[in-house]
Amino acid sequence: MRVISGTAKGRKLKSVPGEGTRPVTDRVKESLFNILGSDVRDARFLDLFAGTGGVGIEALSRGAAEAAFVEQGRAALETIRANLAITRLADRARVVRADVFAFLAGAPDAPFDYVYIAPPQYKGLWAQTLRALDANPAWLSTDSQIIVQIHPREFEPLALEHLTLVDQRKYGSTILCFYELA
């Protein structure tokens, strides 16, 4: 696992010890950032269920103005902080120890341009997270993109009031679902 492009290109990232996280593969991460392109530059990026922090760190390396990493597990939080130190990107990062749903129930300081959701598999947490964002769209700028990383078997259509599915991309056992404000 490494940073693919930008100021921290080639730096190897640490993994969270144990089996609790499933970092995105370099192939999927590279495809994601090819889709997002240069729009990441100067954007505010929210990495939910952040794990290693790899996706938010990639956004920072490619010029995002800020990334917030929300994670509950202590080992994952330590890994995110270590990876931010390795990449020298900590000055534009905020690491938040919180339950994602308690975090999203609050009010944001400012809306985010990108929200990345990669929760533990097969627990329906991705849908619960989208519903939480749908209920509190103050987290999102007018042209925000929400990206969900799940196993293809987990996907189901959701009835959402403010968000709509605009694209899906499948990479082996990973699917990326892209949502925007309706």
C-alpha atoms as a PDB file:
ATOM      1  CA  MET A   1       0.000   0.000   0.000  1.00  0.00           C
ATOM      2  CA  ARG A   2       1.506   3.278  -1.127  1.00  0.00           C
ATOM      3  CA  VAL A   3       0.724   6.831  -2.165  1.00  0.00           C
ATOM      4  CA  ILE A   4       0.261   6.761  -5.929  1.00  0.00           C
ATOM      5  CA  SER A   5       0.704  10.379  -6.995  1.00  0.00           C
ATOM      6  CA  GLY A   6       1.401  13.902  -5.806  1.00  0.00           C
ATOM      7  CA  THR A   7       3.760  15.307  -3.209  1.00  0.00           C
ATOM      8  CA  ALA A   8       3.997  12.046  -1.244  1.00  0.00           C
ATOM      9  CA  LYS A   9       4.191   9.784  -4.315  1.00  0.00           C
ATOM     10  CA  GLY A  10       5.797   6.404  -3.646  1.00  0.00           C
ATOM     11  CA  ARG A  11       5.710   6.602   0.149  1.00  0.00           C
ATOM     12  CA  LYS A  12       4.686   3.296   1.712  1.00  0.00           C
ATOM     13  CA  LEU A  13       1.794   3.397   4.163  1.00  0.00           C
ATOM     14  CA  LYS A  14       1.457   1.303   7.288  1.00  0.00           C
ATOM     15  CA  SER A  15      -1.436  -1.127   7.679  1.00  0.00           C
ATOM     16  CA  VAL A  16      -3.677  -1.333  10.700  1.00  0.00           C
ATOM     17  CA  PRO A  17      -2.637  -4.402  12.726  1.00  0.00           C
ATOM     18  CA  GLY A  18      -5.143  -7.275  12.733  1.00  0.00           C
ATOM     19  CA  GLU A  19      -8.042  -8.182  10.490  1.00  0.00           C
ATOM     20  CA  GLY A  20     -10.435  -5.307  11.282  1.00  0.00           C
ATOM     21  CA  THR A  21      -9.750  -3.099   8.265  1.00  0.00           C
ATOM     22  CA  ARG A  22      -9.723  -3.706   4.526  1.00  0.00           C
ATOM     23  CA  PRO A  23      -7.557  -1.094   2.829  1.00  0.00           C
ATOM     24  CA  VAL A  24      -8.479  -0.183  -0.711  1.00  0.00           C
ATOM     25  CA  THR A  25      -6.129  -1.715  -3.274  1.00  0.00           C
ATOM     26  CA  ASP A  26      -3.754   0.549  -5.170  1.00  0.00           C
ATOM     27  CA  ARG A  27      -5.576  -0.365  -8.392  1.00  0.00           C
ATOM     28  CA  VAL A  28      -8.956   0.802  -7.064  1.00  0.00           C
ATOM     29  CA  LYS A  29      -7.444   3.912  -5.455  1.00  0.00           C
ATOM     30  CA  GLU A  30      -5.684   4.853  -8.697  1.00  0.00           C
ATOM     31  CA  SER A  31      -8.911   4.337 -10.669  1.00  0.00           C
ATOM     32  CA  LEU A  32     -10.855   6.451  -8.180  1.00  0.00           C
ATOM     33  CA  PHE A  33      -8.448   9.364  -8.423  1.00  0.00           C
ATOM     34  CA  ASN A  34      -8.345   9.083 -12.224  1.00  0.00           C
ATOM     35  CA  ILE A  35     -12.133   9.559 -12.131  1.00  0.00           C
ATOM     36  CA  LEU A  36     -11.942  12.495  -9.695  1.00  0.00           C
ATOM     37  CA  GLY A  37      -9.060  14.070 -11.619  1.00  0.00           C
ATOM     38  CA  SER A  38      -7.741  17.515 -10.793  1.00  0.00           C
ATOM     39  CA  ASP A  39     -10.984  18.491  -9.026  1.00  0.00           C
ATOM     40  CA  VAL A  40      -9.418  17.122  -5.819  1.00  0.00           C
ATOM     41  CA  ARG A  41      -7.010  20.068  -5.768  1.00  0.00           C
ATOM     42  CA  ASP A  42      -8.073  22.606  -3.094  1.00  0.00           C
ATOM     43  CA  ALA A  43     -11.046  20.425  -2.088  1.00  0.00           C
ATOM     44  CA  ARG A  44     -12.185  19.491   1.420  1.00  0.00           C
ATOM     45  CA  PHE A  45     -12.139  15.691   1.794  1.00  0.00           C
ATOM     46  CA  LEU A  46     -13.912  13.621   4.468  1.00  0.00           C
ATOM     47  CA  ASP A  47     -12.678  10.042   4.965  1.00  0.00           C
ATOM     48  CA  LEU A  48     -15.234   8.077   7.022  1.00  0.00           C
ATOM     49  CA  PHE A  49     -14.278   4.710   8.558  1.00  0.00           C
ATOM     50  CA  ALA A  50     -10.798   5.904   7.607  1.00  0.00           C
ATOM     51  CA  GLY A  51      -8.828   2.753   8.517  1.00  0.00           C
ATOM     52  CA  THR A  52      -5.257   3.431   7.358  1.00  0.00           C
ATOM     53  CA  GLY A  53      -6.187   6.864   6.026  1.00  0.00           C
ATOM     54  CA  GLY A  54      -4.935   5.869   2.586  1.00  0.00           C
ATOM     55  CA  VAL A  55      -7.699   7.508   0.544  1.00  0.00           C
ATOM     56  CA  GLY A  56      -7.662  10.818   2.414  1.00  0.00           C
ATOM     57  CA  ILE A  57      -3.856  10.841   2.327  1.00  0.00           C
ATOM     58  CA  GLU A  58      -3.942  10.287  -1.440  1.00  0.00           C
ATOM     59  CA  ALA A  59      -6.299  13.283  -1.716  1.00  0.00           C
ATOM     60  CA  LEU A  60      -3.913  15.435   0.349  1.00  0.00           C
ATOM     61  CA  SER A  61      -0.931  14.293  -1.712  1.00  0.00           C
ATOM     62  CA  ARG A  62      -2.812  15.370  -4.855  1.00  0.00           C
ATOM     63  CA  GLY A  63      -3.478  18.850  -3.486  1.00  0.00           C
ATOM     64  CA  ALA A  64      -6.655  18.673  -1.386  1.00  0.00           C
ATOM     65  CA  ALA A  65      -6.819  21.689   0.928  1.00  0.00           C
ATOM     66  CA  GLU A  66      -7.870  19.601   3.918  1.00  0.00           C
ATOM     67  CA  ALA A  67      -8.810  16.063   4.859  1.00  0.00           C
ATOM     68  CA  ALA A  68     -10.679  14.926   7.948  1.00  0.00           C
ATOM     69  CA  PHE A  69     -10.282  11.295   9.007  1.00  0.00           C
ATOM     70  CA  VAL A  70     -13.041   9.831  11.179  1.00  0.00           C
ATOM     71  CA  GLU A  71     -12.271   6.550  12.890  1.00  0.00           C
ATOM     72  CA  GLN A  72     -13.195   4.922  16.176  1.00  0.00           C
ATOM     73  CA  GLY A  73     -10.528   2.242  16.664  1.00  0.00           C
ATOM     74  CA  ARG A  74      -7.379   3.191  18.551  1.00  0.00           C
ATOM     75  CA  ALA A  75      -5.046   1.059  16.376  1.00  0.00           C
ATOM     76  CA  ALA A  76      -6.490   2.639  13.213  1.00  0.00           C
ATOM     77  CA  LEU A  77      -6.115   6.149  14.657  1.00  0.00           C
ATOM     78  CA  GLU A  78      -2.463   5.465  15.504  1.00  0.00           C
ATOM     79  CA  THR A  79      -1.939   4.120  11.973  1.00  0.00           C
ATOM     80  CA  ILE A  80      -3.520   7.218  10.381  1.00  0.00           C
ATOM     81  CA  ARG A  81      -1.307   9.515  12.465  1.00  0.00           C
ATOM     82  CA  ALA A  82       1.794   7.458  11.574  1.00  0.00           C
ATOM     83  CA  ASN A  83       0.887   7.548   7.868  1.00  0.00           C
ATOM     84  CA  LEU A  84       0.345  11.313   8.002  1.00  0.00           C
ATOM     85  CA  ALA A  85       3.803  11.658   9.589  1.00  0.00           C
ATOM     86  CA  ILE A  86       5.403   9.385   6.943  1.00  0.00           C
ATOM     87  CA  THR A  87       3.862  11.456   4.147  1.00  0.00           C
ATOM     88  CA  ARG A  88       4.433  14.820   5.895  1.00  0.00           C
ATOM     89  CA  LEU A  89       0.789  15.784   5.276  1.00  0.00           C
ATOM     90  CA  ALA A  90      -0.378  16.181   8.885  1.00  0.00           C
ATOM     91  CA  ASP A  91      -0.541  19.983   8.644  1.00  0.00           C
ATOM     92  CA  ARG A  92      -3.653  19.770   6.402  1.00  0.00           C
ATOM     93  CA  ALA A  93      -5.260  16.836   8.214  1.00  0.00           C
ATOM     94  CA  ARG A  94      -7.658  16.502  11.091  1.00  0.00           C
ATOM     95  CA  VAL A  95      -7.922  13.103  12.781  1.00  0.00           C
ATOM     96  CA  VAL A  96     -11.164  12.635  14.694  1.00  0.00           C
ATOM     97  CA  ARG A  97     -11.783   9.787  17.112  1.00  0.00           C
ATOM     98  CA  ALA A  98     -15.532   9.323  16.890  1.00  0.00           C
ATOM     99  CA  ASP A  99     -18.342   7.036  15.930  1.00  0.00           C
ATOM    100  CA  VAL A 100     -19.194   8.004  12.345  1.00  0.00           C
ATOM    101  CA  PHE A 101     -22.918   8.294  13.086  1.00  0.00           C
ATOM    102  CA  ALA A 102     -22.426  10.494  16.156  1.00  0.00           C
ATOM    103  CA  PHE A 103     -20.027  12.634  14.089  1.00  0.00           C
ATOM    104  CA  LEU A 104     -22.527  13.032  11.226  1.00  0.00           C
ATOM    105  CA  ALA A 105     -25.344  13.878  13.647  1.00  0.00           C
ATOM    106  CA  GLY A 106     -23.437  17.044  14.548  1.00  0.00           C
ATOM    107  CA  ALA A 107     -22.988  20.238  12.589  1.00  0.00           C
ATOM    108  CA  PRO A 108     -19.993  20.662  10.268  1.00  0.00           C
ATOM    109  CA  ASP A 109     -17.628  23.627  10.478  1.00  0.00           C
ATOM    110  CA  ALA A 110     -17.887  23.825   6.679  1.00  0.00           C
ATOM    111  CA  PRO A 111     -19.239  21.481   3.978  1.00  0.00           C
ATOM    112  CA  PHE A 112     -17.042  18.882   2.300  1.00  0.00           C
ATOM    113  CA  ASP A 113     -16.477  18.495  -1.435  1.00  0.00           C
ATOM    114  CA  TYR A 114     -15.780  14.747  -1.221  1.00  0.00           C
ATOM    115  CA  VAL A 115     -16.956  12.146   1.274  1.00  0.00           C
ATOM    116  CA  TYR A 116     -15.410   8.687   1.111  1.00  0.00           C
ATOM    117  CA  ILE A 117     -17.257   5.854   2.885  1.00  0.00           C
ATOM    118  CA  ALA A 118     -15.494   2.496   3.339  1.00  0.00           C
ATOM    119  CA  PRO A 119     -17.089   0.782   6.349  1.00  0.00           C
ATOM    120  CA  PRO A 120     -16.665  -2.781   7.596  1.00  0.00           C
ATOM    121  CA  GLN A 121     -18.322  -5.145   5.130  1.00  0.00           C
ATOM    122  CA  TYR A 122     -21.677  -6.888   5.316  1.00  0.00           C
ATOM    123  CA  LYS A 123     -23.108  -4.832   8.181  1.00  0.00           C
ATOM    124  CA  GLY A 124     -25.174  -2.357   6.157  1.00  0.00           C
ATOM    125  CA  LEU A 125     -23.086   0.517   7.505  1.00  0.00           C
ATOM    126  CA  TRP A 126     -22.626   2.059   4.047  1.00  0.00           C
ATOM    127  CA  ALA A 127     -26.395   2.474   3.668  1.00  0.00           C
ATOM    128  CA  GLN A 128     -26.741   3.775   7.217  1.00  0.00           C
ATOM    129  CA  THR A 129     -23.998   6.333   6.517  1.00  0.00           C
ATOM    130  CA  LEU A 130     -25.672   7.509   3.300  1.00  0.00           C
ATOM    131  CA  ARG A 131     -28.960   7.882   5.184  1.00  0.00           C
ATOM    132  CA  ALA A 132     -27.180   9.956   7.851  1.00  0.00           C
ATOM    133  CA  LEU A 133     -25.717  12.266   5.171  1.00  0.00           C
ATOM    134  CA  ASP A 134     -29.106  12.423   3.444  1.00  0.00           C
ATOM    135  CA  ALA A 135     -30.693  13.501   6.728  1.00  0.00           C
ATOM    136  CA  ASN A 136     -28.016  16.157   7.333  1.00  0.00           C
ATOM    137  CA  PRO A 137     -26.893  17.505   3.924  1.00  0.00           C
ATOM    138  CA  ALA A 138     -25.138  20.462   5.608  1.00  0.00           C
ATOM    139  CA  TRP A 139     -22.040  18.203   5.436  1.00  0.00           C
ATOM    140  CA  LEU A 140     -22.072  18.545   1.637  1.00  0.00           C
ATOM    141  CA  SER A 141     -21.233  21.396  -0.716  1.00  0.00           C
ATOM    142  CA  THR A 142     -23.575  21.948  -3.644  1.00  0.00           C
ATOM    143  CA  ASP A 143     -21.393  19.870  -5.979  1.00  0.00           C
ATOM    144  CA  SER A 144     -20.171  17.261  -3.483  1.00  0.00           C
ATOM    145  CA  GLN A 145     -19.434  13.717  -4.488  1.00  0.00           C
ATOM    146  CA  ILE A 146     -19.963  10.869  -2.052  1.00  0.00           C
ATOM    147  CA  ILE A 147     -18.043   7.719  -2.886  1.00  0.00           C
ATOM    148  CA  VAL A 148     -18.955   4.392  -1.287  1.00  0.00           C
ATOM    149  CA  GLN A 149     -16.542   1.433  -1.355  1.00  0.00           C
ATOM    150  CA  ILE A 150     -18.340  -1.899  -0.823  1.00  0.00           C
ATOM    151  CA  HIS A 151     -18.418  -5.471  -2.046  1.00  0.00           C
ATOM    152  CA  PRO A 152     -20.776  -5.774  -5.049  1.00  0.00           C
ATOM    153  CA  ARG A 153     -23.031  -8.201  -3.137  1.00  0.00           C
ATOM    154  CA  GLU A 154     -23.723  -5.492  -0.560  1.00  0.00           C
ATOM    155  CA  PHE A 155     -25.205  -3.005  -3.007  1.00  0.00           C
ATOM    156  CA  GLU A 156     -28.910  -2.306  -2.953  1.00  0.00           C
ATOM    157  CA  PRO A 157     -30.878   0.667  -4.270  1.00  0.00           C
ATOM    158  CA  LEU A 158     -31.677   3.164  -1.523  1.00  0.00           C
ATOM    159  CA  ALA A 159     -34.588   5.571  -1.285  1.00  0.00           C
ATOM    160  CA  LEU A 160     -32.879   8.860  -0.435  1.00  0.00           C
ATOM    161  CA  GLU A 161     -34.398  12.339  -0.373  1.00  0.00           C
ATOM    162  CA  HIS A 162     -31.337  14.516  -1.131  1.00  0.00           C
ATOM    163  CA  LEU A 163     -28.823  12.097  -2.669  1.00  0.00           C
ATOM    164  CA  THR A 164     -28.888  10.222  -5.950  1.00  0.00           C
ATOM    165  CA  LEU A 165     -26.695   7.473  -7.374  1.00  0.00           C
ATOM    166  CA  VAL A 166     -24.915   8.813 -10.477  1.00  0.00           C
ATOM    167  CA  ASP A 167     -22.309   6.147 -11.282  1.00  0.00           C
ATOM    168  CA  GLN A 168     -20.931   2.730 -10.296  1.00  0.00           C
ATOM    169  CA  ARG A 169     -17.578   1.190 -11.125  1.00  0.00           C
ATOM    170  CA  LYS A 170     -16.665  -2.438 -10.396  1.00  0.00           C
ATOM    171  CA  TYR A 171     -13.091  -3.568  -9.778  1.00  0.00           C
ATOM    172  CA  GLY A 172     -13.050  -7.271  -8.948  1.00  0.00           C
ATOM    173  CA  SER A 173     -14.524  -7.668  -5.461  1.00  0.00           C
ATOM    174  CA  THR A 174     -14.905  -3.911  -4.975  1.00  0.00           C
ATOM    175  CA  ILE A 175     -17.555  -1.572  -6.267  1.00  0.00           C
ATOM    176  CA  LEU A 176     -17.375   2.195  -6.047  1.00  0.00           C
ATOM    177  CA  CYS A 177     -20.760   3.918  -5.954  1.00  0.00           C
ATOM    178  CA  PHE A 178     -20.868   7.666  -6.634  1.00  0.00           C
ATOM    179  CA  TYR A 179     -23.661   9.797  -5.164  1.00  0.00           C
ATOM    180  CA  GLU A 180     -24.427  13.491  -5.561  1.00  0.00           C
ATOM    181  CA  LEU A 181     -27.031  15.908  -4.240  1.00  0.00           C
ATOM    182  CA  ALA A 182     -30.230  15.477  -6.232  1.00  0.00           C
END
